[in-house]
Amino acid sequence: MNQVSKWFRLKTLQREHARVQMKLNQIYSTKSRSTDFLERQKNLRRRLRTIEERMDQLKQQ
């Protein structure tokens, strides 16, 4: 993988990571806790972990 492609993928993952974190913060800041709050929280946390793993893999290459 060339350096430009690696850099672009890393930046894309960083932007996605920031978006998921904002969604997670938005869930925490809402006053009304919906019934699917825990499920949404679990899904977003899982997405964050997978994004972080992919970012680490790219950095190690």
Protein backbone atom coordinates (compact mmCIF):
# COMPACT_ATOMS: atom_id res chain seq x y z
CA MET A 1 0.00 0.00 0.00
CA ASN A 2 1.50 3.32 -0.94
CA GLN A 3 1.85 6.15 1.56
CA VAL A 4 -0.84 8.39 0.05
CA SER A 5 -3.42 5.62 0.13
CA LYS A 6 -2.48 4.72 3.70
CA TRP A 7 -2.68 8.37 4.77
CA PHE A 8 -6.08 8.78 3.10
CA ARG A 9 -7.49 5.66 4.76
CA LEU A 10 -6.18 6.77 8.12
CA LYS A 11 -7.76 10.23 7.77
CA THR A 12 -11.07 8.66 6.71
CA LEU A 13 -11.03 6.40 9.76
CA GLN A 14 -10.22 9.34 12.03
CA ARG A 15 -13.19 11.31 10.67
CA GLU A 16 -15.48 8.30 11.11
CA HIS A 17 -14.17 7.87 14.66
CA ALA A 18 -15.00 11.50 15.45
CA ARG A 19 -18.52 11.14 14.01
CA VAL A 20 -19.21 8.03 16.08
CA GLN A 21 -17.92 9.76 19.21
CA MET A 22 -20.22 12.73 18.55
CA LYS A 23 -23.19 10.37 18.18
CA LEU A 24 -22.27 8.66 21.43
CA ASN A 25 -21.98 12.02 23.22
CA GLN A 26 -25.33 13.05 21.76
CA ILE A 27 -26.93 9.91 23.21
CA TYR A 28 -25.47 10.68 26.66
CA SER A 29 -26.59 14.30 26.59
CA THR A 30 -30.25 13.64 25.79
CA LYS A 31 -32.58 14.04 28.71
CA SER A 32 -34.93 11.26 27.70
CA ARG A 33 -33.44 7.80 27.79
CA SER A 34 -35.19 5.69 25.21
CA THR A 35 -35.62 1.95 25.53
CA ASP A 36 -32.97 1.29 22.92
CA PHE A 37 -30.41 3.50 24.68
CA LEU A 38 -28.26 0.61 25.89
CA GLU A 39 -28.40 -1.14 22.53
CA ARG A 40 -27.39 2.01 20.64
CA GLN A 41 -24.62 2.66 23.16
CA LYS A 42 -23.32 -0.88 22.76
CA ASN A 43 -23.37 -0.66 18.96
CA LEU A 44 -21.57 2.69 18.88
CA ARG A 45 -18.93 1.50 21.34
CA ARG A 46 -18.36 -1.60 19.20
CA ARG A 47 -17.98 0.59 16.11
CA LEU A 48 -15.46 2.76 17.94
CA ARG A 49 -13.41 -0.30 18.90
CA THR A 50 -13.37 -1.67 15.35
CA ILE A 51 -12.37 1.72 13.94
CA GLU A 52 -9.55 2.00 16.48
CA GLU A 53 -8.36 -1.52 15.62
CA ARG A 54 -8.31 -0.70 11.90
CA MET A 55 -6.41 2.53 12.61
CA ASP A 56 -3.81 0.61 14.64
CA GLN A 57 -3.42 -1.95 11.84
CA LEU A 58 -2.81 0.81 9.31
CA LYS A 59 -0.26 2.51 11.54
CA GLN A 60 1.67 -0.74 11.98
CA GLN A 61 1.94 -1.40 8.23
